Amino acid sequence: MYPFAAAGDGTLSLTRRSILAAAGTGSLSAVLARPSAAVADESPADLVQRLTGKAAVESDRVHLTMPATFPTGYTVPLGLTIDSPMTAADHVRNVRVLAPHNPIIEVVSFDFVPYRSEPRISTRIRLAEPQFVLAVAEMSDGALLMAKTWVAVATNGCA
């Protein structure tokens, strides 16, 4: 497919289809060009620092529940609860779940509103290989609280 079409007078002109195709290709290349895999020797705290620009602290307020082993990486159950009163002064703003060895590190994110939501999540995620899964909760004061758990999957769910 050529990006230019011949006009009736023999000159070349851009078509709407070629512009849309070029824009789509540019967007796709931007997604594919981003760094996605974690550095092999990078600690979870270093990974969070690199992705968010803030230091995260492991906390017993963040409860990440996942099976230690699961037969397939396509639908791994995940449960997450954050201890918070969810008041205007003390609440969870958002939670990001990270899988450092997946093609795209940030698996899912959730936003919360004080007084209107409870910081509980139950979902399923895909995992590419056995790895630590991280949950990073951003609190109302800007602090990052983190929990991690090891999950061993037998098959790649990100193919």
C-alpha atoms as a PDB file:
ATOM      1  CA  MET A   1       0.000   0.000   0.000  1.00  0.00           C
ATOM      2  CA  TYR A   2       1.380   3.387  -0.969  1.00  0.00           C
ATOM      3  CA  PRO A   3       0.828   6.416   1.264  1.00  0.00           C
ATOM      4  CA  PHE A   4       0.162   8.632  -1.728  1.00  0.00           C
ATOM      5  CA  ALA A   5      -2.545   8.390  -4.351  1.00  0.00           C
ATOM      6  CA  ALA A   6      -2.307   9.740  -7.865  1.00  0.00           C
ATOM      7  CA  ALA A   7      -4.605  12.666  -8.506  1.00  0.00           C
ATOM      8  CA  GLY A   8      -6.340  13.092 -11.858  1.00  0.00           C
ATOM      9  CA  ASP A   9      -3.661  15.549 -13.035  1.00  0.00           C
ATOM     10  CA  GLY A  10      -0.799  13.115 -12.385  1.00  0.00           C
ATOM     11  CA  THR A  11       0.358  14.671  -9.092  1.00  0.00           C
ATOM     12  CA  LEU A  12       0.542  12.731  -5.844  1.00  0.00           C
ATOM     13  CA  SER A  13      -1.613  13.560  -2.828  1.00  0.00           C
ATOM     14  CA  LEU A  14      -2.135  12.145   0.669  1.00  0.00           C
ATOM     15  CA  THR A  15      -5.277  10.105   1.224  1.00  0.00           C
ATOM     16  CA  ARG A  16      -7.255   9.895   4.446  1.00  0.00           C
ATOM     17  CA  ARG A  17      -6.579   6.159   4.570  1.00  0.00           C
ATOM     18  CA  SER A  18      -2.805   6.659   4.343  1.00  0.00           C
ATOM     19  CA  ILE A  19      -2.854   9.274   7.115  1.00  0.00           C
ATOM     20  CA  LEU A  20      -4.868   6.972   9.418  1.00  0.00           C
ATOM     21  CA  ALA A  21      -2.575   4.038   8.626  1.00  0.00           C
ATOM     22  CA  ALA A  22       0.508   6.139   9.400  1.00  0.00           C
ATOM     23  CA  ALA A  23      -0.999   7.344  12.689  1.00  0.00           C
ATOM     24  CA  GLY A  24      -1.858   3.778  13.705  1.00  0.00           C
ATOM     25  CA  THR A  25       1.613   2.561  12.843  1.00  0.00           C
ATOM     26  CA  GLY A  26       3.174   5.410  14.837  1.00  0.00           C
ATOM     27  CA  SER A  27       1.042   4.598  17.895  1.00  0.00           C
ATOM     28  CA  LEU A  28       1.873   0.909  17.659  1.00  0.00           C
ATOM     29  CA  SER A  29       5.597   1.576  17.370  1.00  0.00           C
ATOM     30  CA  ALA A  30       5.463   3.855  20.427  1.00  0.00           C
ATOM     31  CA  VAL A  31       3.874   1.048  22.457  1.00  0.00           C
ATOM     32  CA  LEU A  32       6.317  -1.566  21.200  1.00  0.00           C
ATOM     33  CA  ALA A  33       9.347   0.660  21.757  1.00  0.00           C
ATOM     34  CA  ARG A  34       8.706   1.281  25.476  1.00  0.00           C
ATOM     35  CA  PRO A  35      10.906  -0.640  27.851  1.00  0.00           C
ATOM     36  CA  SER A  36       8.745  -3.355  29.338  1.00  0.00           C
ATOM     37  CA  ALA A  37      10.832  -5.966  31.053  1.00  0.00           C
ATOM     38  CA  ALA A  38      12.503  -5.369  34.376  1.00  0.00           C
ATOM     39  CA  VAL A  39      16.259  -5.487  34.661  1.00  0.00           C
ATOM     40  CA  ALA A  40      17.240  -8.978  35.830  1.00  0.00           C
ATOM     41  CA  ASP A  41      18.932  -7.884  39.060  1.00  0.00           C
ATOM     42  CA  GLU A  42      16.484  -5.060  39.852  1.00  0.00           C
ATOM     43  CA  SER A  43      14.811  -5.262  43.264  1.00  0.00           C
ATOM     44  CA  PRO A  44      11.052  -4.643  43.578  1.00  0.00           C
ATOM     45  CA  ALA A  45      11.726  -1.336  45.369  1.00  0.00           C
ATOM     46  CA  ASP A  46      14.087  -0.232  42.572  1.00  0.00           C
ATOM     47  CA  LEU A  47      11.502  -1.171  39.943  1.00  0.00           C
ATOM     48  CA  VAL A  48       8.811   0.901  41.672  1.00  0.00           C
ATOM     49  CA  GLN A  49      11.267   3.799  42.017  1.00  0.00           C
ATOM     50  CA  ARG A  50      12.055   3.619  38.281  1.00  0.00           C
ATOM     51  CA  LEU A  51       8.391   3.447  37.221  1.00  0.00           C
ATOM     52  CA  THR A  52       6.891   6.005  39.611  1.00  0.00           C
ATOM     53  CA  GLY A  53       9.777   8.239  40.605  1.00  0.00           C
ATOM     54  CA  LYS A  54       8.954   7.586  44.284  1.00  0.00           C
ATOM     55  CA  ALA A  55      10.269   5.148  46.856  1.00  0.00           C
ATOM     56  CA  ALA A  56       7.888   2.411  48.004  1.00  0.00           C
ATOM     57  CA  VAL A  57       7.911   0.819  51.428  1.00  0.00           C
ATOM     58  CA  GLU A  58       6.792  -2.752  52.091  1.00  0.00           C
ATOM     59  CA  SER A  59       3.800  -2.516  54.397  1.00  0.00           C
ATOM     60  CA  ASP A  60       1.595  -4.885  56.373  1.00  0.00           C
ATOM     61  CA  ARG A  61      -1.358  -2.620  55.471  1.00  0.00           C
ATOM     62  CA  VAL A  62      -1.341  -4.044  51.922  1.00  0.00           C
ATOM     63  CA  HIS A  63      -2.565  -7.645  51.726  1.00  0.00           C
ATOM     64  CA  LEU A  64      -1.864  -9.328  48.371  1.00  0.00           C
ATOM     65  CA  THR A  65      -3.318 -12.826  48.070  1.00  0.00           C
ATOM     66  CA  MET A  66      -2.396 -15.119  45.177  1.00  0.00           C
ATOM     67  CA  PRO A  67      -1.785 -18.862  44.866  1.00  0.00           C
ATOM     68  CA  ALA A  68       1.854 -19.900  45.246  1.00  0.00           C
ATOM     69  CA  THR A  69       1.501 -22.183  42.217  1.00  0.00           C
ATOM     70  CA  PHE A  70      -1.048 -22.122  39.427  1.00  0.00           C
ATOM     71  CA  PRO A  71      -1.307 -24.423  36.385  1.00  0.00           C
ATOM     72  CA  THR A  72      -1.734 -21.683  33.780  1.00  0.00           C
ATOM     73  CA  GLY A  73      -0.595 -18.099  33.464  1.00  0.00           C
ATOM     74  CA  TYR A  74      -3.776 -17.075  31.621  1.00  0.00           C
ATOM     75  CA  THR A  75      -6.117 -16.611  34.616  1.00  0.00           C
ATOM     76  CA  VAL A  76      -4.240 -16.313  37.897  1.00  0.00           C
ATOM     77  CA  PRO A  77      -6.544 -15.211  40.757  1.00  0.00           C
ATOM     78  CA  LEU A  78      -5.567 -12.081  42.668  1.00  0.00           C
ATOM     79  CA  GLY A  79      -7.076 -10.665  45.855  1.00  0.00           C
ATOM     80  CA  LEU A  80      -5.980  -7.373  47.330  1.00  0.00           C
ATOM     81  CA  THR A  81      -7.053  -5.471  50.437  1.00  0.00           C
ATOM     82  CA  ILE A  82      -5.559  -2.283  51.832  1.00  0.00           C
ATOM     83  CA  ASP A  83      -6.153  -1.300  55.473  1.00  0.00           C
ATOM     84  CA  SER A  84      -7.450   2.272  55.270  1.00  0.00           C
ATOM     85  CA  PRO A  85     -10.304   4.220  56.882  1.00  0.00           C
ATOM     86  CA  MET A  86     -11.006   5.838  53.466  1.00  0.00           C
ATOM     87  CA  THR A  87     -11.555   9.287  54.980  1.00  0.00           C
ATOM     88  CA  ALA A  88     -10.610  12.513  53.232  1.00  0.00           C
ATOM     89  CA  ALA A  89      -7.437  12.728  55.323  1.00  0.00           C
ATOM     90  CA  ASP A  90      -6.400   9.064  55.031  1.00  0.00           C
ATOM     91  CA  HIS A  91      -7.382   7.073  51.953  1.00  0.00           C
ATOM     92  CA  VAL A  92      -6.019   4.997  49.090  1.00  0.00           C
ATOM     93  CA  ARG A  93      -5.798   7.006  45.849  1.00  0.00           C
ATOM     94  CA  ASN A  94      -4.886   4.156  43.538  1.00  0.00           C
ATOM     95  CA  VAL A  95      -3.326   0.725  43.353  1.00  0.00           C
ATOM     96  CA  ARG A  96      -1.068  -0.618  40.602  1.00  0.00           C
ATOM     97  CA  VAL A  97      -0.348  -4.320  40.162  1.00  0.00           C
ATOM     98  CA  LEU A  98       3.031  -5.007  38.553  1.00  0.00           C
ATOM     99  CA  ALA A  99       4.443  -8.198  37.053  1.00  0.00           C
ATOM    100  CA  PRO A 100       8.098  -7.400  36.247  1.00  0.00           C
ATOM    101  CA  HIS A 101       8.630 -10.315  33.843  1.00  0.00           C
ATOM    102  CA  ASN A 102       5.496  -9.730  31.748  1.00  0.00           C
ATOM    103  CA  PRO A 103       5.804  -8.041  28.339  1.00  0.00           C
ATOM    104  CA  ILE A 104       3.921  -5.075  29.840  1.00  0.00           C
ATOM    105  CA  ILE A 105       4.896  -4.597  33.486  1.00  0.00           C
ATOM    106  CA  GLU A 106       1.780  -2.782  34.748  1.00  0.00           C
ATOM    107  CA  VAL A 107      -0.909  -5.459  34.678  1.00  0.00           C
ATOM    108  CA  VAL A 108      -3.804  -3.445  36.089  1.00  0.00           C
ATOM    109  CA  SER A 109      -4.541  -0.310  38.090  1.00  0.00           C
ATOM    110  CA  PHE A 110      -7.495   0.778  40.223  1.00  0.00           C
ATOM    111  CA  ASP A 111      -8.548   4.214  41.489  1.00  0.00           C
ATOM    112  CA  PHE A 112     -10.415   4.777  44.751  1.00  0.00           C
ATOM    113  CA  VAL A 113     -12.522   7.628  46.146  1.00  0.00           C
ATOM    114  CA  PRO A 114     -12.746   8.463  49.871  1.00  0.00           C
ATOM    115  CA  TYR A 115     -16.068   7.651  51.557  1.00  0.00           C
ATOM    116  CA  ARG A 116     -17.357   5.958  48.364  1.00  0.00           C
ATOM    117  CA  SER A 117     -15.260   2.867  47.856  1.00  0.00           C
ATOM    118  CA  GLU A 118     -13.522   0.182  49.845  1.00  0.00           C
ATOM    119  CA  PRO A 119      -9.933  -0.642  48.939  1.00  0.00           C
ATOM    120  CA  ARG A 120     -10.642  -4.272  48.021  1.00  0.00           C
ATOM    121  CA  ILE A 121      -9.970  -5.951  44.696  1.00  0.00           C
ATOM    122  CA  SER A 122     -10.679  -9.412  43.365  1.00  0.00           C
ATOM    123  CA  THR A 123      -9.704 -10.198  39.792  1.00  0.00           C
ATOM    124  CA  ARG A 124      -7.607 -12.464  37.572  1.00  0.00           C
ATOM    125  CA  ILE A 125      -4.397 -11.501  35.801  1.00  0.00           C
ATOM    126  CA  ARG A 126      -2.061 -13.001  33.221  1.00  0.00           C
ATOM    127  CA  LEU A 127       1.510 -13.921  34.021  1.00  0.00           C
ATOM    128  CA  ALA A 128       4.250 -14.697  31.519  1.00  0.00           C
ATOM    129  CA  GLU A 129       6.386 -16.825  33.838  1.00  0.00           C
ATOM    130  CA  PRO A 130       7.043 -17.562  37.521  1.00  0.00           C
ATOM    131  CA  GLN A 131       7.764 -14.228  39.210  1.00  0.00           C
ATOM    132  CA  PHE A 132       7.119 -11.852  42.077  1.00  0.00           C
ATOM    133  CA  VAL A 133       3.888  -9.899  41.653  1.00  0.00           C
ATOM    134  CA  LEU A 134       3.843  -6.460  43.275  1.00  0.00           C
ATOM    135  CA  ALA A 135       0.930  -4.374  44.507  1.00  0.00           C
ATOM    136  CA  VAL A 136       1.723  -0.688  45.019  1.00  0.00           C
ATOM    137  CA  ALA A 137      -0.851   1.493  46.798  1.00  0.00           C
ATOM    138  CA  GLU A 138      -0.555   5.267  46.614  1.00  0.00           C
ATOM    139  CA  MET A 139      -1.987   6.842  49.743  1.00  0.00           C
ATOM    140  CA  SER A 140      -3.574  10.299  50.106  1.00  0.00           C
ATOM    141  CA  ASP A 141      -0.360  11.710  51.580  1.00  0.00           C
ATOM    142  CA  GLY A 142       1.615  10.534  48.515  1.00  0.00           C
ATOM    143  CA  ALA A 143       3.297   7.593  50.276  1.00  0.00           C
ATOM    144  CA  LEU A 144       3.672   4.353  48.325  1.00  0.00           C
ATOM    145  CA  LEU A 145       2.938   1.140  50.226  1.00  0.00           C
ATOM    146  CA  MET A 146       3.924  -2.156  48.636  1.00  0.00           C
ATOM    147  CA  ALA A 147       3.334  -5.883  49.000  1.00  0.00           C
ATOM    148  CA  LYS A 148       4.821  -8.692  46.937  1.00  0.00           C
ATOM    149  CA  THR A 149       4.183 -12.391  46.540  1.00  0.00           C
ATOM    150  CA  TRP A 150       5.812 -15.178  44.526  1.00  0.00           C
ATOM    151  CA  VAL A 151       3.624 -16.957  41.977  1.00  0.00           C
ATOM    152  CA  ALA A 152       4.819 -19.957  39.991  1.00  0.00           C
ATOM    153  CA  VAL A 153       2.874 -20.615  36.771  1.00  0.00           C
ATOM    154  CA  ALA A 154       3.385 -23.644  34.570  1.00  0.00           C
ATOM    155  CA  THR A 155       2.464 -22.046  31.247  1.00  0.00           C
ATOM    156  CA  ASN A 156       2.954 -18.603  29.730  1.00  0.00           C
ATOM    157  CA  GLY A 157      -0.265 -16.557  29.822  1.00  0.00           C
ATOM    158  CA  CYS A 158       1.097 -13.642  27.785  1.00  0.00           C
ATOM    159  CA  ALA A 159       1.758 -15.342  24.452  1.00  0.00           C
END
